[in-house]
Protein backbone atom coordinates (compact mmCIF):
# COMPACT_ATOMS: atom_id res chain seq x y z
CA MET A 1 -15.03 66.51 75.98
CA ASN A 2 -12.63 67.76 73.30
CA ASP A 3 -13.15 65.79 70.08
CA ASN A 4 -10.45 63.12 69.75
CA VAL A 5 -9.10 63.58 73.31
CA ILE A 6 -9.69 61.02 76.09
CA ASP A 7 -8.09 61.30 79.54
CA ASN A 8 -5.90 64.14 78.19
CA LYS A 9 -4.48 61.82 75.52
CA LYS A 10 -5.04 62.27 71.78
CA ASP A 11 -7.10 59.49 70.27
CA ILE A 12 -4.78 58.01 67.66
CA LYS A 13 -7.42 55.83 65.99
CA SER A 14 -9.48 58.93 65.16
CA MET A 15 -6.66 60.43 63.08
CA THR A 16 -6.70 60.41 59.29
CA LEU A 17 -3.54 59.13 57.61
CA ALA A 18 -2.42 62.72 56.95
CA GLU A 19 -2.96 63.65 60.61
CA LEU A 20 -1.17 60.54 61.82
CA THR A 21 1.78 61.25 59.51
CA GLU A 22 2.04 64.78 60.91
CA GLU A 23 1.66 63.54 64.49
CA LEU A 24 4.41 60.91 64.21
CA ALA A 25 6.68 63.45 62.55
CA THR A 26 6.65 65.36 65.85
CA LEU A 27 8.11 62.19 67.38
CA GLY A 28 10.84 62.15 64.72
CA GLU A 29 9.27 59.29 62.73
CA LYS A 30 9.23 59.03 58.92
CA ALA A 31 5.98 58.97 56.90
CA PHE A 32 6.17 55.24 56.16
CA ARG A 33 5.82 54.51 59.89
CA ALA A 34 2.47 56.32 59.92
CA LYS A 35 1.28 54.25 56.97
CA GLN A 36 2.34 51.03 58.73
CA MET A 37 0.56 52.02 61.93
CA TYR A 38 -2.55 53.16 60.04
CA GLN A 39 -2.71 49.76 58.35
CA TRP A 40 -2.39 47.95 61.66
CA MET A 41 -5.32 49.96 63.04
CA HIS A 42 -7.66 50.13 60.05
CA VAL A 43 -6.84 47.05 57.93
CA ASN A 44 -5.44 44.45 60.32
CA LEU A 45 -7.75 45.76 63.07
CA VAL A 46 -5.34 45.05 65.93
CA ARG A 47 -6.54 45.76 69.47
CA SER A 48 -3.40 47.42 70.87
CA PHE A 49 -0.02 48.94 70.02
CA ASP A 50 1.62 45.72 71.26
CA GLU A 51 0.28 43.79 68.25
CA MET A 52 2.06 46.07 65.73
CA THR A 53 4.96 43.70 65.20
CA ASN A 54 6.90 45.68 62.58
CA ILE A 55 6.92 48.81 64.78
CA SER A 56 9.84 49.10 67.19
CA LYS A 57 9.15 48.40 70.83
CA ALA A 58 10.42 51.88 71.72
CA LEU A 59 7.91 53.57 69.41
CA ARG A 60 5.08 51.33 70.61
CA GLU A 61 5.84 52.26 74.21
CA LYS A 62 6.05 55.95 73.31
CA CYS A 63 2.66 55.76 71.56
CA ALA A 64 1.08 53.90 74.49
CA ALA A 65 2.32 56.62 76.83
CA ASN A 66 1.09 59.50 74.67
CA TYR A 67 -2.02 58.31 72.84
CA GLN A 68 -5.37 56.73 73.64
CA TYR A 69 -6.01 53.52 71.67
CA THR A 70 -9.75 52.87 71.34
CA ASP A 71 -10.64 49.23 71.96
CA LEU A 72 -14.33 48.56 72.56
CA LYS A 73 -15.17 45.73 74.96
CA VAL A 74 -18.02 43.31 74.27
CA VAL A 75 -20.50 43.53 77.16
CA GLN A 76 -23.31 41.43 75.68
CA VAL A 77 -24.28 39.70 72.44
CA GLN A 78 -27.80 38.66 71.47
CA GLU A 79 -28.43 36.43 68.46
CA SER A 80 -31.80 36.11 66.75
CA LYS A 81 -33.15 32.58 66.44
CA ILE A 82 -35.24 33.83 63.52
CA ASP A 83 -32.66 35.21 61.10
CA GLY A 84 -29.21 35.09 62.75
CA THR A 85 -29.07 38.85 63.31
CA LYS A 86 -26.68 39.73 66.14
CA LYS A 87 -26.98 42.69 68.48
CA PHE A 88 -23.85 43.80 70.31
CA LEU A 89 -23.55 45.92 73.42
CA PHE A 90 -20.10 47.53 73.62
CA GLY A 91 -18.42 49.09 76.65
CA LEU A 92 -16.55 52.38 76.18
CA SER A 93 -13.50 53.50 78.12
CA ASP A 94 -15.59 55.83 80.32
CA GLY A 95 -18.06 53.13 81.39
CA ASN A 96 -20.81 54.08 78.93
CA VAL A 97 -22.27 51.48 76.57
CA VAL A 98 -23.46 51.61 72.95
CA GLU A 99 -25.17 49.08 70.74
CA SER A 100 -24.65 47.88 67.17
CA VAL A 101 -26.39 45.33 64.96
CA TRP A 102 -24.94 42.83 62.45
CA MET A 103 -27.32 41.67 59.72
CA LYS A 104 -26.62 39.02 57.11
CA TYR A 105 -28.13 39.51 53.67
CA LYS A 106 -27.66 37.74 50.33
CA HIS A 107 -25.94 40.85 48.95
CA GLY A 108 -23.49 41.05 51.88
CA ASN A 109 -23.19 41.79 55.58
CA SER A 110 -24.51 45.05 57.02
CA VAL A 111 -23.65 46.68 60.32
CA CYS A 112 -25.83 49.34 61.93
CA ILE A 113 -23.80 51.50 64.31
CA SER A 114 -24.47 54.15 66.94
CA SER A 115 -23.11 57.70 66.65
CA GLN A 116 -23.84 58.96 70.18
CA VAL A 117 -24.33 57.66 73.71
CA GLY A 118 -28.04 58.34 73.99
CA CYS A 119 -29.83 61.02 71.95
CA ARG A 120 -31.44 64.40 72.56
CA MET A 121 -33.80 64.48 69.59
CA GLY A 122 -36.81 63.15 71.55
CA CYS A 123 -38.53 61.17 68.77
CA LYS A 124 -41.57 59.57 70.40
CA PHE A 125 -41.21 56.02 69.00
CA CYS A 126 -37.49 55.59 69.74
CA ALA A 127 -35.96 54.03 72.87
CA SER A 128 -32.58 55.71 72.19
CA THR A 129 -33.81 59.09 73.32
CA LEU A 130 -35.62 58.16 76.55
CA ASP A 131 -32.65 58.99 78.79
CA GLY A 132 -31.36 61.94 76.77
CA LEU A 133 -27.85 62.51 75.40
CA GLU A 134 -24.78 61.47 77.37
CA ARG A 135 -22.08 62.39 74.83
CA ASN A 136 -20.92 62.15 71.23
CA LEU A 137 -18.92 59.17 70.01
CA LEU A 138 -15.43 59.74 68.65
CA PRO A 139 -14.66 58.61 65.08
CA SER A 140 -12.65 55.71 66.52
CA GLU A 141 -15.59 54.59 68.67
CA MET A 142 -17.82 54.55 65.61
CA LEU A 143 -15.21 52.70 63.54
CA ASP A 144 -14.46 50.18 66.26
CA GLN A 145 -18.06 48.96 66.35
CA ILE A 146 -17.50 47.77 62.77
CA TYR A 147 -13.98 46.49 63.39
CA VAL A 148 -14.88 44.36 66.42
CA ILE A 149 -17.95 42.90 64.70
CA GLN A 150 -15.90 42.01 61.62
CA GLN A 151 -13.34 40.27 63.84
CA LEU A 152 -15.93 38.38 65.89
CA THR A 153 -17.96 37.18 62.91
CA GLY A 154 -14.91 36.48 60.76
CA GLU A 155 -16.77 37.98 57.81
CA ARG A 156 -16.25 41.12 55.76
CA VAL A 157 -18.63 44.01 56.44
CA SER A 158 -19.73 45.40 53.09
CA ASN A 159 -22.49 47.85 54.11
CA VAL A 160 -22.63 50.29 57.01
CA VAL A 161 -25.68 52.15 58.29
CA VAL A 162 -25.30 54.99 60.79
CA MET A 163 -28.81 54.57 62.12
CA GLY A 164 -28.38 53.18 65.64
CA THR A 165 -28.47 55.23 68.85
CA GLY A 166 -27.96 58.95 68.33
CA GLU A 167 -28.50 61.61 65.67
CA PRO A 168 -25.46 61.45 63.36
CA MET A 169 -25.82 65.08 62.22
CA ASP A 170 -25.70 66.16 65.87
CA ASN A 171 -22.16 64.74 65.89
CA TYR A 172 -21.29 66.20 62.51
CA ASP A 173 -17.50 66.71 62.66
CA ASN A 174 -16.82 63.27 64.13
CA LEU A 175 -19.24 61.71 61.61
CA LEU A 176 -17.40 63.30 58.70
CA LYS A 177 -14.02 62.07 59.94
CA PHE A 178 -15.49 58.60 60.52
CA ILE A 179 -16.67 58.52 56.88
CA ARG A 180 -13.26 59.66 55.60
CA ILE A 181 -11.40 56.94 57.52
CA LEU A 182 -13.93 54.15 56.83
CA THR A 183 -13.87 54.80 53.06
CA ASP A 184 -10.14 55.55 52.79
CA GLU A 185 -8.37 53.22 50.33
CA ASN A 186 -5.60 52.83 52.94
CA GLY A 187 -8.08 51.50 55.50
CA LEU A 188 -11.08 49.18 55.40
CA ASN A 189 -11.96 50.87 52.09
CA ILE A 190 -15.73 50.42 52.24
CA SER A 191 -17.33 52.15 49.26
CA GLN A 192 -19.11 55.43 50.04
CA ARG A 193 -22.04 54.07 48.03
CA ASN A 194 -22.36 51.29 50.63
CA LEU A 195 -22.69 53.76 53.50
CA THR A 196 -26.03 55.18 54.67
CA VAL A 197 -26.35 58.02 57.18
CA SER A 198 -29.71 58.81 58.77
CA THR A 199 -30.99 62.08 60.14
CA CYS A 200 -34.21 63.28 61.74
CA GLY A 201 -33.80 66.47 59.72
CA LEU A 202 -31.16 68.93 60.93
CA VAL A 203 -31.42 71.20 57.89
CA PRO A 204 -28.17 73.24 58.27
CA LYS A 205 -26.09 70.08 58.72
CA MET A 206 -27.82 68.39 55.75
CA GLU A 207 -26.84 71.41 53.63
CA MET A 208 -23.25 71.20 54.90
CA LEU A 209 -23.13 67.50 54.05
CA ALA A 210 -24.41 68.24 50.53
CA GLU A 211 -21.42 70.55 50.02
CA GLU A 212 -19.06 67.66 50.77
CA LYS A 213 -20.37 65.95 47.60
CA LEU A 214 -19.96 62.48 49.13
CA GLN A 215 -21.44 59.44 47.41
CA ILE A 216 -23.14 58.13 50.55
CA THR A 217 -26.91 57.62 50.88
CA LEU A 218 -28.70 60.15 53.06
CA ALA A 219 -31.77 58.74 54.81
CA LEU A 220 -34.28 61.23 56.19
CA SER A 221 -36.50 60.05 59.03
CA LEU A 222 -39.73 61.59 57.78
CA HIS A 223 -42.46 59.52 59.51
CA ALA A 224 -45.28 62.01 58.82
CA THR A 225 -46.64 64.00 55.89
CA THR A 226 -47.80 67.17 57.66
CA ASP A 227 -46.03 69.48 60.09
CA GLU A 228 -48.83 69.01 62.60
CA LYS A 229 -48.45 65.21 62.69
CA ARG A 230 -44.66 65.33 62.55
CA LYS A 231 -44.51 67.65 65.56
CA LYS A 232 -46.39 65.05 67.60
CA LEU A 233 -43.84 62.38 66.70
CA MET A 234 -40.60 64.36 66.36
CA PRO A 235 -39.74 67.53 68.33
CA ILE A 236 -37.25 68.58 65.61
CA ALA A 237 -40.31 69.35 63.45
CA ASN A 238 -40.90 72.42 65.63
CA ARG A 239 -37.67 73.85 64.25
CA TYR A 240 -37.71 72.77 60.59
CA SER A 241 -40.84 72.43 58.49
CA ILE A 242 -41.48 69.66 55.95
CA ALA A 243 -41.30 72.29 53.19
CA GLU A 244 -37.76 73.22 54.36
CA LEU A 245 -36.81 69.55 54.49
CA MET A 246 -38.04 68.88 50.95
CA ASP A 247 -36.10 71.91 49.65
CA THR A 248 -32.98 70.63 51.42
CA CYS A 249 -33.45 67.13 49.98
CA ALA A 250 -33.70 68.61 46.48
CA TYR A 251 -30.52 70.60 47.18
CA TYR A 252 -28.73 67.49 48.40
CA PHE A 253 -29.62 65.61 45.21
CA GLU A 254 -28.56 68.57 43.07
CA LYS A 255 -25.14 68.71 44.76
CA THR A 256 -24.42 64.97 45.00
CA GLY A 257 -26.56 63.22 42.39
CA ARG A 258 -27.49 60.75 45.14
CA ARG A 259 -31.08 59.70 45.62
CA ILE A 260 -32.55 60.47 49.06
CA THR A 261 -34.18 57.74 51.13
CA PHE A 262 -37.27 58.63 53.19
CA GLU A 263 -37.63 56.47 56.29
CA TYR A 264 -41.31 56.21 57.19
CA SER A 265 -42.26 54.26 60.33
CA LEU A 266 -45.86 53.09 60.07
CA VAL A 267 -47.68 53.58 63.37
CA GLY A 268 -51.15 52.06 63.57
CA GLY A 269 -53.86 54.72 63.39
CA VAL A 270 -51.34 57.57 63.46
CA ASN A 271 -49.71 57.92 60.03
CA ASP A 272 -50.91 54.92 57.98
CA THR A 273 -54.17 56.19 56.45
CA ASP A 274 -55.01 56.55 52.76
CA GLU A 275 -54.77 60.30 53.23
CA ASP A 276 -51.25 59.90 54.63
CA ALA A 277 -50.31 57.83 51.57
CA LYS A 278 -51.74 60.49 49.26
CA GLU A 279 -49.80 63.26 51.02
CA LEU A 280 -46.59 61.18 50.95
CA ILE A 281 -46.98 60.69 47.20
CA ALA A 282 -47.30 64.47 46.76
CA LEU A 283 -44.08 65.02 48.74
CA ALA A 284 -42.10 62.29 46.97
CA ARG A 285 -43.12 62.90 43.36
CA PRO A 286 -40.99 66.02 42.71
CA LEU A 287 -37.88 64.41 44.22
CA CYS A 288 -35.52 61.64 43.23
CA CYS A 289 -36.17 59.49 46.28
CA HIS A 290 -36.84 56.04 47.61
CA ILE A 291 -39.33 55.38 50.42
CA ASN A 292 -38.53 52.78 53.04
CA LEU A 293 -41.66 51.77 54.95
CA ILE A 294 -40.81 50.54 58.47
CA PRO A 295 -43.28 48.54 60.59
CA VAL A 296 -42.69 50.40 63.87
CA ASN A 297 -40.92 48.44 66.61
CA PRO A 298 -43.13 48.85 69.73
CA ILE A 299 -41.34 49.89 72.94
CA LYS A 300 -42.92 49.46 76.35
CA GLU A 301 -42.43 53.11 77.32
CA ARG A 302 -44.76 54.27 74.51
CA ASP A 303 -48.24 53.22 73.43
CA PHE A 304 -47.57 53.15 69.67
CA VAL A 305 -48.58 49.97 67.87
CA GLN A 306 -47.46 48.53 64.57
CA SER A 307 -49.82 48.93 61.61
CA GLU A 308 -51.56 45.73 60.52
CA ALA A 309 -49.81 43.78 57.77
CA SER A 310 -52.71 44.34 55.36
CA ARG A 311 -52.58 48.11 55.99
CA ILE A 312 -48.80 48.20 55.41
CA GLN A 313 -49.21 46.34 52.11
CA ALA A 314 -52.10 48.57 51.02
CA PHE A 315 -50.01 51.67 51.83
CA LYS A 316 -47.12 50.31 49.75
CA ASN A 317 -49.40 49.42 46.83
CA LYS A 318 -50.87 52.91 46.76
CA LEU A 319 -47.41 54.46 46.53
CA GLU A 320 -46.27 52.03 43.81
CA LYS A 321 -49.36 52.65 41.69
CA ASN A 322 -48.40 56.31 41.69
CA GLY A 323 -44.87 55.64 40.45
CA ILE A 324 -43.09 55.95 43.81
CA ASN A 325 -40.08 53.71 44.44
CA VAL A 326 -40.87 51.95 47.72
CA THR A 327 -39.90 48.94 49.82
CA ILE A 328 -41.05 47.54 53.16
CA ARG A 329 -38.06 47.10 55.43
CA ARG A 330 -37.50 43.47 56.30
CA GLU A 331 -37.76 43.07 60.06
CA MET A 332 -34.48 41.75 61.44
CA GLY A 333 -33.81 40.57 64.98
CA ARG A 334 -37.35 41.12 66.21
CA ASP A 335 -36.80 38.62 69.03
CA ILE A 336 -33.69 40.38 70.41
CA ASP A 337 -34.66 43.90 71.56
CA GLY A 338 -34.86 45.04 67.95
CA ALA A 339 -35.67 48.75 68.36
CA CYS A 340 -32.79 51.23 68.56
CA GLY A 341 -31.69 51.75 72.15
CA GLN A 342 -33.65 48.87 73.72
CA LEU A 343 -30.66 46.71 74.64
CA ARG A 344 -28.63 49.63 76.01
CA ARG A 345 -31.62 50.88 78.03
CA LYS A 346 -32.29 47.41 79.46
CA HIS A 347 -28.61 47.09 80.48
CA THR A 348 -28.54 50.57 82.05
CA GLN A 349 -31.75 49.98 84.00
CA SER A 350 -30.41 46.64 85.25
CA LEU A 351 -27.26 48.35 86.59
CA GLN A 352 -29.37 51.07 88.26
CA THR A 353 -31.53 48.43 89.93
CA MET A 354 -28.42 46.65 91.24
CA GLU A 355 -26.97 49.93 92.59
CA GLU A 356 -30.25 50.79 94.32
CA GLY A 357 -30.27 47.32 95.86
CA VAL A 358 -26.75 47.81 97.21
CA ARG A 359 -27.64 51.26 98.66
CA ALA A 360 -30.78 49.81 100.29
């Protein structure tokens, strides 16, 4: 699929203000019309051209005929009885589904969004990758996860994490445009410093991102301290070594001045030993970084188990005693298919079961 084209129509919600201005000029419209329309889409968050009341009916009809207007449909919502976290399953125009999570914190509301339908990275502890990659999400489809959630909750989203289904760096161009539109002062205007993008470690794309000199937080899914262990958990480790990753992280900090976050999922008996902690300290010490320890979310398709609470705390203490900045990620929505990809996979399997029943 051509980026920003759906059903042979350009995707208007994926256009930057400059692109929209240029596009509407081809229809004979002045620049102020583009700014009005951009505000309707990215500030007022309207769901169709029809809601743009200060745009002439003729122009609205022309736009509807020529452009795709992304409008995600809510398929399912789960709400945690523990902490109020909400997990959303959204339907796309082609019948695919993606999931997003809304989390309420004292410092503001965070939304974790997906960047792809499925994933091809093959990380062993992640449900997102079990069925492979279907396609990349357009910038508008990434944005609309945030827009719909903000509308449904009636509350401002202040922090965005691109850490749901998919590898964001595997959808690099669309990711970059998503960031530009999300942080544009003419749109929702979320601060770049309140945006976190995760990666399993696509070194060339991490280097490209460093050159953009954005003020976002880059979160590297590390999860192991040796190449041998990392290869067992993450196939990407067969392509890029930990030494390469650490050099790239240092380069990213040099270019942006932004501290790297290391995501480290603690898997019982796999990567939670004292030796693992010692090796992690050695990796982290030379870098300006923060380590986020994640009690792994078990998924039924794998036999990984979460480290014991005492082991997680001991691991954290060892890092802190050696001057490493570290936190244990608070578990949110554990009672509502918490791991990335679980809700989408459950929905997809349910549909497959129904179809098989009909064929039988």
